[in-house]
């Protein structure tokens, strides 16, 4: 058998501890599947004395992750610290410069610095693998780089943040407003230290940008991802969508159009009986569509010790076997920046607004929609609230530009109160 593959693990939180457990508990299985033993030689974390529920005394300790990355007895630097800047980036750069391969779960770092890191790794003859950075235990990176390598990818779509999916499904099941379910998720420890990373769509947007780069052979371009979080969704929207046969999901969509690369992470309505519509709790789902294979649906745990550590180990095993796939499936220096494009494909939209309850109010709204070239498919008027009339429309397919024209036109009617809610209905 070949020489052992020696790991240096930086970051001993939930995922790092999960990796240590797998290496210990599955040593024989990993050796059989890799063709060589996998060993941890050194670790690093912020606190040396913290009880992590697993013995670490058999490993060398480095207070500085950069020093760990440079150790001559480390073959693969496993970065599980997180953070787009600071120690994670510094240590990753040091590892590449020292001739190490890198396995990371750091979506933020790769979404913002993936191009430069990939170029550095390839110039040094090293690889960066990041299956755990996107959708936890779901092997979507390998599905795109390997399983669909012979396809022209037509669309990447999915629910990529379990916390948001938990909040939305709990709102529907419990009939409770967003603020109450948000507080519940926070108490359960489901939210990031900065909750906006979750509910603002930023975390999921990082993942979408990485998948789009692989799918379309372009440079990672997170700043061009259109982001809209779930903070403005009300229980009224959840109930209205259900009445119409839909569920609301924070949905990521990437597709190459004639105008350029469309990347958006925003609330969408999806049919309640579709795979995405049936997705409950903190589970993730990614839908890949290719010209040859058709549609592939991948579903699984998007976070947690076991699933994420499993994804980290899959990359380690791949390196141990001698696989040298480039970071984004194509040589990094050959990747070009795609022209960013706003959502251009026509789609039906859900509109909810509060009208002043007086004669002719509905006609004025219908006139604005008609002048924007938008026709109404369905309409529901909800129970009156004092002198106000809540109304829900489902339009026929229209462009986002036409919808924006209508939304601006509502101000002049004098009958629309506040800002209407407009949510795209995605075909799945």
Protein backbone atom coordinates (compact mmCIF):
# COMPACT_ATOMS: atom_id res chain seq x y z
CA UNK A 1 0.00 0.00 0.00
CA UNK A 2 1.18 3.56 -0.70
CA UNK A 3 2.41 6.02 1.89
CA UNK A 4 -0.32 7.41 4.19
CA UNK A 5 -2.13 10.58 3.20
CA UNK A 6 -1.37 13.00 6.03
CA UNK A 7 -3.92 15.63 7.06
CA UNK A 8 -3.63 18.91 8.90
CA UNK A 9 -7.03 20.13 10.10
CA UNK A 10 -7.58 23.80 10.89
CA UNK A 11 -10.86 24.40 12.71
CA UNK A 12 -12.28 22.00 15.28
CA UNK A 13 -15.90 23.05 15.41
CA UNK A 14 -18.79 20.77 14.54
CA UNK A 15 -17.45 19.81 11.11
CA UNK A 16 -13.80 19.49 12.14
CA UNK A 17 -14.70 17.16 14.99
CA UNK A 18 -16.90 15.20 12.58
CA UNK A 19 -13.93 14.68 10.26
CA UNK A 20 -11.74 13.50 13.16
CA UNK A 21 -14.42 10.96 14.11
CA UNK A 22 -14.73 9.57 10.59
CA UNK A 23 -10.97 9.22 10.17
CA UNK A 24 -10.80 7.29 13.43
CA UNK A 25 -13.92 5.18 13.17
CA UNK A 26 -13.64 4.33 9.47
CA UNK A 27 -9.89 3.97 9.10
CA UNK A 28 -9.99 0.51 7.48
CA UNK A 29 -12.85 1.43 5.14
CA UNK A 30 -11.12 4.65 4.06
CA UNK A 31 -7.85 2.81 3.42
CA UNK A 32 -9.61 0.17 1.35
CA UNK A 33 -11.45 2.77 -0.75
CA UNK A 34 -8.47 5.10 -1.13
CA UNK A 35 -5.68 2.57 -1.57
CA UNK A 36 -3.68 4.17 1.25
CA UNK A 37 -4.11 5.00 4.90
CA UNK A 38 -5.48 8.41 5.87
CA UNK A 39 -3.95 9.91 9.00
CA UNK A 40 -4.34 13.15 10.94
CA UNK A 41 -0.91 14.46 11.97
CA UNK A 42 -1.70 17.96 13.28
CA UNK A 43 -4.62 20.22 14.17
CA UNK A 44 -5.27 23.87 14.95
CA UNK A 45 -8.09 25.83 16.56
CA UNK A 46 -8.65 29.00 18.59
CA UNK A 47 -8.83 27.18 21.94
CA UNK A 48 -6.53 24.34 22.87
CA UNK A 49 -8.25 23.41 26.12
CA UNK A 50 -11.88 23.25 24.98
CA UNK A 51 -13.62 19.90 25.51
CA UNK A 52 -14.72 18.80 22.04
CA UNK A 53 -15.84 15.32 22.99
CA UNK A 54 -12.98 13.68 21.11
CA UNK A 55 -9.38 13.10 22.20
CA UNK A 56 -6.81 15.17 20.31
CA UNK A 57 -3.68 14.41 22.33
CA UNK A 58 -2.33 12.12 19.63
CA UNK A 59 -2.00 14.98 17.16
CA UNK A 60 0.51 17.80 17.01
CA UNK A 61 -1.03 21.16 17.91
CA UNK A 62 -0.44 24.46 16.12
CA UNK A 63 -1.83 27.68 17.56
CA UNK A 64 -1.35 29.37 14.18
CA UNK A 65 -3.19 27.78 11.22
CA UNK A 66 -0.61 29.26 8.84
CA UNK A 67 2.09 27.29 10.66
CA UNK A 68 -0.08 24.19 10.32
CA UNK A 69 -0.45 24.81 6.60
CA UNK A 70 3.34 24.97 6.20
CA UNK A 71 4.20 21.81 8.15
CA UNK A 72 6.37 19.46 6.05
CA UNK A 73 4.52 16.39 7.37
CA UNK A 74 1.11 17.60 6.06
CA UNK A 75 0.00 16.52 2.57
CA UNK A 76 -3.55 17.94 2.62
CA UNK A 77 -4.55 21.11 4.46
CA UNK A 78 -8.18 20.82 5.60
CA UNK A 79 -9.58 24.33 6.17
CA UNK A 80 -12.71 24.30 8.34
CA UNK A 81 -12.41 27.66 10.09
CA UNK A 82 -14.73 29.69 7.88
CA UNK A 83 -14.65 33.38 7.03
CA UNK A 84 -13.89 35.02 3.71
CA UNK A 85 -10.79 36.81 4.98
CA UNK A 86 -8.28 36.51 7.80
CA UNK A 87 -6.81 33.22 9.06
CA UNK A 88 -8.75 30.98 6.64
CA UNK A 89 -7.55 32.80 3.53
CA UNK A 90 -4.03 33.35 4.86
CA UNK A 91 -3.62 29.68 5.77
CA UNK A 92 -5.08 28.48 2.46
CA UNK A 93 -2.64 30.67 0.53
CA UNK A 94 0.21 29.42 2.71
CA UNK A 95 -0.77 25.79 2.11
CA UNK A 96 -0.80 26.24 -1.66
CA UNK A 97 2.55 28.04 -1.58
CA UNK A 98 3.96 25.17 0.50
CA UNK A 99 2.81 22.61 -2.07
CA UNK A 100 -0.23 21.24 -0.24
CA UNK A 101 -3.59 20.24 -1.63
CA UNK A 102 -6.53 21.95 0.06
CA UNK A 103 -9.95 20.71 1.12
CA UNK A 104 -12.30 23.39 2.42
CA UNK A 105 -15.92 23.91 3.42
CA UNK A 106 -15.54 27.69 3.13
CA UNK A 107 -18.12 28.96 0.62
CA UNK A 108 -17.61 32.65 1.48
CA UNK A 109 -13.85 32.51 0.85
CA UNK A 110 -14.28 30.74 -2.48
CA UNK A 111 -17.18 32.92 -3.62
CA UNK A 112 -15.05 36.04 -3.12
CA UNK A 113 -11.50 34.76 -3.75
CA UNK A 114 -11.99 31.46 -5.57
CA UNK A 115 -10.52 32.64 -8.87
CA UNK A 116 -7.21 33.82 -7.45
CA UNK A 117 -6.90 30.79 -5.17
CA UNK A 118 -7.68 28.40 -8.04
CA UNK A 119 -5.08 30.05 -10.27
CA UNK A 120 -2.46 29.83 -7.53
CA UNK A 121 -3.25 26.17 -6.86
CA UNK A 122 -3.11 25.17 -10.50
CA UNK A 123 0.15 27.05 -11.06
CA UNK A 124 1.61 25.13 -8.12
CA UNK A 125 0.22 21.82 -9.39
CA UNK A 126 -2.16 21.55 -6.42
CA UNK A 127 -5.92 21.08 -6.14
CA UNK A 128 -8.64 22.76 -4.10
CA UNK A 129 -11.72 20.66 -3.39
CA UNK A 130 -14.85 22.09 -1.78
CA UNK A 131 -17.75 19.65 -1.91
CA UNK A 132 -18.71 20.53 1.68
CA UNK A 133 -19.00 24.24 0.83
CA UNK A 134 -22.18 23.73 -1.22
CA UNK A 135 -25.31 22.01 0.13
CA UNK A 136 -23.58 20.07 2.92
CA UNK A 137 -23.77 16.33 2.32
CA UNK A 138 -25.25 16.56 -1.20
CA UNK A 139 -22.55 15.64 -3.78
CA UNK A 140 -23.54 18.39 -6.19
CA UNK A 141 -20.03 19.62 -7.04
CA UNK A 142 -19.04 16.14 -8.17
CA UNK A 143 -22.32 15.77 -10.04
CA UNK A 144 -21.49 18.87 -12.10
CA UNK A 145 -17.75 18.39 -12.58
CA UNK A 146 -17.89 14.64 -13.22
CA UNK A 147 -21.37 13.18 -13.70
CA UNK A 148 -22.55 15.92 -16.05
CA UNK A 149 -19.24 16.67 -17.72
CA UNK A 150 -20.71 15.70 -21.11
CA UNK A 151 -23.72 18.00 -20.80
CA UNK A 152 -24.44 21.58 -21.63
CA UNK A 153 -26.06 22.69 -18.38
CA UNK A 154 -29.29 24.53 -19.03
CA UNK A 155 -30.28 25.42 -15.47
CA UNK A 156 -29.11 25.06 -11.88
CA UNK A 157 -31.80 25.53 -9.28
CA UNK A 158 -32.29 24.73 -5.64
CA UNK A 159 -33.00 25.35 -2.00
CA UNK A 160 -29.53 25.83 -0.55
CA UNK A 161 -30.09 27.20 2.95
CA UNK A 162 -31.70 24.86 5.45
CA UNK A 163 -32.40 27.60 7.99
CA UNK A 164 -34.56 29.55 5.56
CA UNK A 165 -36.39 26.40 4.52
CA UNK A 166 -37.00 25.58 8.17
CA UNK A 167 -38.43 29.05 8.82
CA UNK A 168 -40.73 28.97 5.80
CA UNK A 169 -42.06 25.47 6.42
CA UNK A 170 -42.57 26.22 10.12
CA UNK A 171 -44.51 29.38 9.26
CA UNK A 172 -46.88 27.31 7.14
CA UNK A 173 -47.19 24.37 9.56
CA UNK A 174 -47.60 26.45 12.71
CA UNK A 175 -49.48 29.37 11.17
CA UNK A 176 -47.12 31.76 12.94
CA UNK A 177 -45.55 34.99 11.63
CA UNK A 178 -41.96 35.34 10.49
CA UNK A 179 -40.71 37.14 13.62
CA UNK A 180 -41.86 34.33 15.94
CA UNK A 181 -40.32 31.55 13.84
CA UNK A 182 -37.12 33.56 13.41
CA UNK A 183 -36.82 33.79 17.21
CA UNK A 184 -37.44 30.06 17.47
CA UNK A 185 -34.72 29.28 14.92
CA UNK A 186 -32.33 31.58 16.77
CA UNK A 187 -33.05 29.86 20.10
CA UNK A 188 -32.38 26.47 18.48
CA UNK A 189 -29.00 27.67 17.22
CA UNK A 190 -29.94 27.39 13.54
CA UNK A 191 -28.84 30.92 12.60
CA UNK A 192 -25.36 32.20 11.82
CA UNK A 193 -23.78 34.71 14.21
CA UNK A 194 -24.87 37.28 11.63
CA UNK A 195 -28.44 36.09 10.86
CA UNK A 196 -28.54 38.10 7.63
CA UNK A 197 -26.13 35.59 6.11
CA UNK A 198 -29.01 33.10 6.32
CA UNK A 199 -32.28 35.04 6.02
CA UNK A 200 -30.78 37.65 3.67
CA UNK A 201 -29.83 34.97 1.14
CA UNK A 202 -26.09 35.69 1.32
CA UNK A 203 -25.02 32.19 2.44
CA UNK A 204 -27.10 30.56 -0.29
CA UNK A 205 -25.92 33.15 -2.81
CA UNK A 206 -22.30 32.14 -2.18
CA UNK A 207 -23.23 28.55 -2.99
CA UNK A 208 -25.12 29.51 -6.14
CA UNK A 209 -22.18 31.55 -7.44
CA UNK A 210 -19.86 28.54 -7.04
CA UNK A 211 -22.26 26.18 -8.80
CA UNK A 212 -22.82 28.66 -11.63
CA UNK A 213 -19.06 28.94 -12.22
CA UNK A 214 -18.77 25.16 -12.55
CA UNK A 215 -21.92 24.76 -14.64
CA UNK A 216 -21.13 27.46 -17.18
CA UNK A 217 -17.33 27.55 -17.19
CA UNK A 218 -17.11 31.12 -15.95
CA UNK A 219 -15.32 32.99 -13.19
CA UNK A 220 -17.06 33.04 -9.84
CA UNK A 221 -19.06 36.27 -9.70
CA UNK A 222 -20.87 36.54 -6.39
CA UNK A 223 -21.36 40.34 -6.64
CA UNK A 224 -23.60 39.77 -9.66
CA UNK A 225 -25.98 37.43 -7.80
CA UNK A 226 -29.35 39.13 -7.33
CA UNK A 227 -30.13 38.72 -3.64
CA UNK A 228 -33.47 38.99 -1.90
CA UNK A 229 -34.04 37.46 1.50
CA UNK A 230 -37.12 36.14 3.25
CA UNK A 231 -37.48 38.91 5.87
CA UNK A 232 -40.41 40.61 4.14
CA UNK A 233 -42.52 37.48 3.70
CA UNK A 234 -45.65 37.44 5.81
CA UNK A 235 -47.91 34.67 7.02
CA UNK A 236 -50.47 36.10 4.60
CA UNK A 237 -48.16 35.24 1.70
CA UNK A 238 -47.56 31.74 3.04
CA UNK A 239 -51.31 31.12 3.36
CA UNK A 240 -52.22 32.69 0.04
CA UNK A 241 -49.58 30.66 -1.78
CA UNK A 242 -50.89 27.45 -0.16
CA UNK A 243 -54.47 28.30 -1.17
CA UNK A 244 -53.27 28.69 -4.76
CA UNK A 245 -51.42 25.34 -4.73
CA UNK A 246 -47.92 26.68 -4.16
CA UNK A 247 -45.26 26.91 -1.48
CA UNK A 248 -42.72 29.69 -1.04
CA UNK A 249 -39.04 28.75 -1.09
CA UNK A 250 -35.83 30.77 -1.02
CA UNK A 251 -34.79 29.53 -4.44
CA UNK A 252 -31.48 29.91 -6.21
CA UNK A 253 -31.52 29.86 -10.00
CA UNK A 254 -28.60 30.15 -12.43
CA UNK A 255 -28.94 29.92 -16.18
CA UNK A 256 -27.11 31.22 -19.23
CA UNK A 257 -29.33 33.30 -21.49
CA UNK A 258 -28.82 35.33 -24.64
CA UNK A 259 -28.30 38.36 -22.43
CA UNK A 260 -25.71 36.74 -20.19
CA UNK A 261 -25.50 34.75 -16.96
CA UNK A 262 -28.56 35.04 -14.76
CA UNK A 263 -27.94 34.36 -11.05
CA UNK A 264 -30.65 35.05 -8.52
CA UNK A 265 -31.40 33.98 -4.98
CA UNK A 266 -34.89 35.09 -4.01
CA UNK A 267 -38.23 33.87 -2.67
CA UNK A 268 -40.21 32.05 -5.37
CA UNK A 269 -43.47 30.17 -5.53
CA UNK A 270 -43.12 26.54 -6.61
CA UNK A 271 -45.91 23.98 -7.11
CA UNK A 272 -46.74 22.36 -3.76
CA UNK A 273 -46.66 18.87 -5.33
CA UNK A 274 -43.22 19.34 -6.93
CA UNK A 275 -40.05 17.92 -5.33
CA UNK A 276 -39.04 21.42 -4.26
CA UNK A 277 -42.52 22.16 -2.96
CA UNK A 278 -42.47 19.04 -0.80
CA UNK A 279 -39.09 19.84 0.73
CA UNK A 280 -39.54 20.26 4.47
CA UNK A 281 -37.47 21.51 7.40
CA UNK A 282 -33.73 22.08 7.12
CA UNK A 283 -33.20 19.80 4.12
CA UNK A 284 -31.53 21.08 0.93
CA UNK A 285 -32.34 20.21 -2.67
CA UNK A 286 -30.46 21.00 -5.88
CA UNK A 287 -31.97 20.46 -9.33
CA UNK A 288 -29.55 20.19 -12.26
CA UNK A 289 -30.71 20.25 -15.88
CA UNK A 290 -28.57 19.22 -18.84
CA UNK A 291 -29.22 18.86 -22.55
CA UNK A 292 -28.32 15.16 -22.59
CA UNK A 293 -29.30 13.91 -19.14
CA UNK A 294 -32.46 15.94 -18.59
CA UNK A 295 -33.27 16.77 -14.97
CA UNK A 296 -31.43 15.43 -11.92
CA UNK A 297 -32.78 16.05 -8.42
CA UNK A 298 -30.37 15.81 -5.47
CA UNK A 299 -31.81 15.96 -1.96
CA UNK A 300 -30.15 15.69 1.44
CA UNK A 301 -28.93 17.31 4.62
CA UNK A 302 -27.44 20.71 3.93
CA UNK A 303 -25.58 21.09 7.22
CA UNK A 304 -24.62 19.31 10.43
CA UNK A 305 -21.64 17.36 11.69
CA UNK A 306 -22.18 14.08 9.85
CA UNK A 307 -23.32 15.28 6.41
CA UNK A 308 -20.75 18.07 6.09
CA UNK A 309 -17.90 15.94 7.42
CA UNK A 310 -18.96 13.25 4.95
CA UNK A 311 -18.53 15.74 2.10
CA UNK A 312 -15.11 16.79 3.42
CA UNK A 313 -14.03 13.15 3.54
CA UNK A 314 -15.21 12.55 -0.01
CA UNK A 315 -12.76 15.22 -1.20
CA UNK A 316 -9.95 13.81 0.92
CA UNK A 317 -10.53 10.33 -0.49
CA UNK A 318 -10.59 11.76 -4.03
CA UNK A 319 -7.17 13.35 -3.47
CA UNK A 320 -5.89 10.14 -1.88
CA UNK A 321 -6.89 8.22 -4.99
CA UNK A 322 -4.84 10.59 -7.14
CA UNK A 323 -7.67 12.54 -8.75
CA UNK A 324 -6.48 15.99 -9.90
CA UNK A 325 -9.64 17.74 -11.12
CA UNK A 326 -9.22 21.49 -11.42
CA UNK A 327 -11.06 23.65 -8.89
CA UNK A 328 -13.99 24.64 -11.11
CA UNK A 329 -13.80 21.77 -13.61
CA UNK A 330 -11.80 23.78 -16.17
CA UNK A 331 -8.38 25.48 -15.98
CA UNK A 332 -8.86 28.63 -13.94
CA UNK A 333 -6.80 30.90 -16.18
CA UNK A 334 -9.07 30.06 -19.10
CA UNK A 335 -12.24 31.10 -17.31
CA UNK A 336 -13.82 34.37 -18.40
CA UNK A 337 -16.21 36.61 -16.54
CA UNK A 338 -19.75 36.17 -17.82
CA UNK A 339 -21.87 39.17 -18.69
CA UNK A 340 -24.31 39.54 -15.77
CA UNK A 341 -27.96 39.40 -16.77
CA UNK A 342 -31.12 40.16 -14.88
CA UNK A 343 -33.92 37.60 -14.92
CA UNK A 344 -35.22 37.82 -18.48
CA UNK A 345 -37.22 34.63 -19.04
CA UNK A 346 -40.95 35.43 -18.76
CA UNK A 347 -42.74 33.86 -15.81
CA UNK A 348 -46.05 34.21 -13.98
CA UNK A 349 -45.96 36.30 -10.81
CA UNK A 350 -47.82 36.33 -7.53
CA UNK A 351 -48.97 39.82 -6.50
CA UNK A 352 -50.45 40.72 -3.14
CA UNK A 353 -51.59 44.23 -2.37
CA UNK A 354 -53.86 46.16 -0.06
CA UNK A 355 -56.50 48.25 -1.84
CA UNK A 356 -58.63 51.05 -0.52
CA UNK A 357 -62.14 49.62 -0.38
CA UNK A 358 -63.99 51.93 -2.72
CA UNK A 359 -65.70 51.59 -6.13
CA UNK A 360 -63.35 51.37 -9.11
CA UNK A 361 -60.26 50.38 -7.11
CA UNK A 362 -59.93 47.01 -8.78
CA UNK A 363 -60.47 48.53 -12.22
CA UNK A 364 -57.62 50.99 -11.68
CA UNK A 365 -55.24 48.19 -10.75
CA UNK A 366 -56.34 46.11 -13.74
CA UNK A 367 -55.78 49.09 -16.02
CA UNK A 368 -52.19 49.55 -14.78
CA UNK A 369 -51.47 45.85 -15.34
CA UNK A 370 -53.02 45.97 -18.81
CA UNK A 371 -51.03 49.04 -19.81
CA UNK A 372 -47.86 47.21 -18.78
CA UNK A 373 -48.85 44.28 -21.00
CA UNK A 374 -49.70 41.98 -18.09
CA UNK A 375 -52.80 39.82 -18.10
CA UNK A 376 -54.42 38.34 -15.00
CA UNK A 377 -54.71 34.57 -14.69
CA UNK A 378 -56.32 34.33 -11.24
CA UNK A 379 -57.49 36.76 -8.61
CA UNK A 380 -58.61 36.36 -5.01
CA UNK A 381 -60.01 39.00 -2.72
CA UNK A 382 -59.43 38.23 0.93
CA UNK A 383 -61.52 39.19 3.96
CA UNK A 384 -61.78 42.95 4.38
CA UNK A 385 -59.79 44.69 7.09
CA UNK A 386 -61.67 47.88 8.09
CA UNK A 387 -61.73 49.98 4.89
CA UNK A 388 -58.98 47.96 3.23
CA UNK A 389 -59.31 45.06 0.82
CA UNK A 390 -56.40 42.56 0.56
CA UNK A 391 -56.18 41.18 -3.00
CA UNK A 392 -54.00 38.48 -4.55
CA UNK A 393 -53.33 38.18 -8.29
CA UNK A 394 -51.57 35.48 -10.28
CA UNK A 395 -50.48 36.85 -13.63
CA UNK A 396 -49.86 35.07 -16.89
CA UNK A 397 -46.22 34.94 -17.99
CA UNK A 398 -44.60 38.35 -18.13
CA UNK A 399 -41.14 39.88 -17.99
CA UNK A 400 -39.68 41.38 -14.86
CA UNK A 401 -39.35 44.71 -16.69
CA UNK A 402 -43.07 44.75 -17.40
CA UNK A 403 -43.81 43.87 -13.81
CA UNK A 404 -41.59 46.69 -12.54
CA UNK A 405 -43.45 49.09 -14.82
CA UNK A 406 -46.73 48.01 -13.27
CA UNK A 407 -45.39 48.24 -9.72
CA UNK A 408 -44.32 51.82 -10.37
CA UNK A 409 -47.67 52.61 -11.94
CA UNK A 410 -49.63 51.49 -8.88
CA UNK A 411 -48.45 54.57 -6.96
CA UNK A 412 -50.46 56.86 -9.22
CA UNK A 413 -53.75 55.00 -8.76
CA UNK A 414 -54.37 56.34 -5.29
CA UNK A 415 -55.92 53.04 -4.25
CA UNK A 416 -52.87 50.83 -3.54
CA UNK A 417 -51.67 51.14 0.04
CA UNK A 418 -48.04 50.44 0.88
CA UNK A 419 -45.73 48.37 -1.29
CA UNK A 420 -47.25 45.40 -3.14
CA UNK A 421 -45.57 42.02 -2.69
CA UNK A 422 -44.37 40.50 -5.97
CA UNK A 423 -42.95 36.95 -6.09
CA UNK A 424 -41.90 35.02 -9.19
CA UNK A 425 -43.56 31.64 -9.81
CA UNK A 426 -40.79 29.31 -10.97
CA UNK A 427 -41.42 26.42 -13.33
CA UNK A 428 -39.94 23.28 -11.81
